[in-house]
Amino acid sequence: MLRLLLLLFRLGYINGFSIIGYWVIVYHTKFLGRKKDICNVISKPSARVYIKKNSIPHIGIGEFILTTSKGILTAKQAYDLGVGGEVLLFIG
């Protein structure tokens, strides 16, 4: 979870986060000029979604976040490294 928050912070989707205790993490969202930013969870424990390195989507809006053997990456980073993985969420 911490690595995901760090990635979202580096991408500019959140302003920051605070860790309060062992189980509580508070993150501070950023308003991106739309009424509501869309964050969809793609892969769930009951329905995992995996993608091969050759099938990574290239769309102009938003970001796919993947967990790979190289860590938690954006779709572009995973494509550049030539790795596939589990699709965690889409922000756009």
Protein backbone atom coordinates (compact mmCIF):
# COMPACT_ATOMS: atom_id res chain seq x y z
CA MET A 1 0.00 0.00 0.00
CA LEU A 2 2.83 2.36 0.80
CA ARG A 3 4.45 1.85 -2.61
CA LEU A 4 1.12 2.53 -4.32
CA LEU A 5 0.71 5.78 -2.39
CA LEU A 6 4.27 6.81 -3.24
CA LEU A 7 3.58 6.18 -6.94
CA LEU A 8 0.34 8.18 -6.83
CA PHE A 9 2.21 11.00 -5.08
CA ARG A 10 4.97 11.01 -7.73
CA LEU A 11 2.33 11.09 -10.50
CA GLY A 12 0.60 14.04 -8.82
CA TYR A 13 -2.74 12.35 -8.08
CA ILE A 14 -2.47 12.92 -4.33
CA ASN A 15 -0.91 15.79 -2.39
CA GLY A 16 0.51 13.57 0.32
CA PHE A 17 -0.30 10.98 2.93
CA SER A 18 0.14 10.34 6.62
CA ILE A 19 0.65 7.07 8.44
CA ILE A 20 -1.20 7.05 11.75
CA GLY A 21 -0.53 3.82 13.56
CA TYR A 22 -0.12 0.40 11.98
CA TRP A 23 -3.41 0.02 10.09
CA VAL A 24 -4.47 3.59 9.33
CA ILE A 25 -3.14 5.51 6.33
CA VAL A 26 -4.67 8.86 5.44
CA TYR A 27 -4.10 10.26 1.96
CA HIS A 28 -4.83 13.77 0.76
CA THR A 29 -6.47 13.86 -2.65
CA LYS A 30 -5.87 16.51 -5.25
CA PHE A 31 -8.62 18.16 -7.27
CA LEU A 32 -7.69 17.91 -10.95
CA GLY A 33 -10.22 20.35 -12.40
CA ARG A 34 -13.05 17.85 -12.83
CA LYS A 35 -16.05 17.41 -10.60
CA LYS A 36 -14.98 13.90 -9.73
CA ASP A 37 -11.78 12.09 -10.60
CA ILE A 38 -12.40 8.51 -11.59
CA CYS A 39 -10.45 5.79 -9.83
CA ASN A 40 -11.61 2.28 -10.73
CA VAL A 41 -10.28 -0.82 -9.04
CA ILE A 42 -9.69 -3.34 -11.82
CA SER A 43 -8.28 -6.44 -10.13
CA LYS A 44 -10.06 -7.79 -7.07
CA PRO A 45 -9.38 -10.85 -4.92
CA SER A 46 -12.36 -12.62 -6.51
CA ALA A 47 -11.44 -11.63 -10.08
CA ARG A 48 -7.77 -10.99 -10.80
CA VAL A 49 -6.91 -9.27 -14.09
CA TYR A 50 -3.49 -9.92 -15.61
CA ILE A 51 -2.00 -8.40 -18.73
CA LYS A 52 0.93 -9.52 -20.87
CA LYS A 53 3.71 -7.14 -21.79
CA ASN A 54 2.55 -7.04 -25.43
CA SER A 55 -1.05 -6.17 -24.47
CA ILE A 56 -0.46 -3.14 -22.25
CA PRO A 57 -3.00 -0.48 -23.27
CA HIS A 58 -1.85 2.90 -24.57
CA ILE A 59 -4.60 5.43 -24.04
CA GLY A 60 -4.15 9.16 -23.85
CA ILE A 61 -6.19 9.82 -20.74
CA GLY A 62 -5.56 8.44 -17.30
CA GLU A 63 -3.13 5.87 -15.98
CA PHE A 64 -3.23 2.13 -15.47
CA ILE A 65 -1.37 1.02 -12.34
CA LEU A 66 0.12 -2.49 -12.43
CA THR A 67 1.92 -4.66 -9.94
CA THR A 68 4.76 -6.47 -11.67
CA SER A 69 7.89 -8.41 -10.83
CA LYS A 70 9.69 -5.02 -10.93
CA GLY A 71 7.31 -3.44 -8.40
CA ILE A 72 4.25 -1.21 -8.71
CA LEU A 73 4.46 0.64 -12.02
CA THR A 74 2.39 2.68 -14.42
CA ALA A 75 1.45 1.05 -17.71
CA LYS A 76 4.03 3.16 -19.54
CA GLN A 77 6.82 2.18 -17.15
CA ALA A 78 5.85 -1.50 -17.44
CA TYR A 79 5.81 -1.24 -21.24
CA ASP A 80 9.23 0.42 -21.28
CA LEU A 81 10.65 -2.31 -19.02
CA GLY A 82 8.95 -5.04 -21.07
CA VAL A 83 7.05 -6.62 -18.17
CA GLY A 84 3.41 -7.50 -17.68
CA GLY A 85 1.52 -7.97 -14.45
CA GLU A 86 -1.70 -7.60 -12.52
CA VAL A 87 -3.77 -4.51 -13.24
CA LEU A 88 -4.57 -2.87 -9.90
CA LEU A 89 -6.49 0.24 -10.87
CA PHE A 90 -7.23 2.89 -13.47
CA ILE A 91 -7.12 6.60 -12.71
CA GLY A 92 -8.53 8.96 -15.27
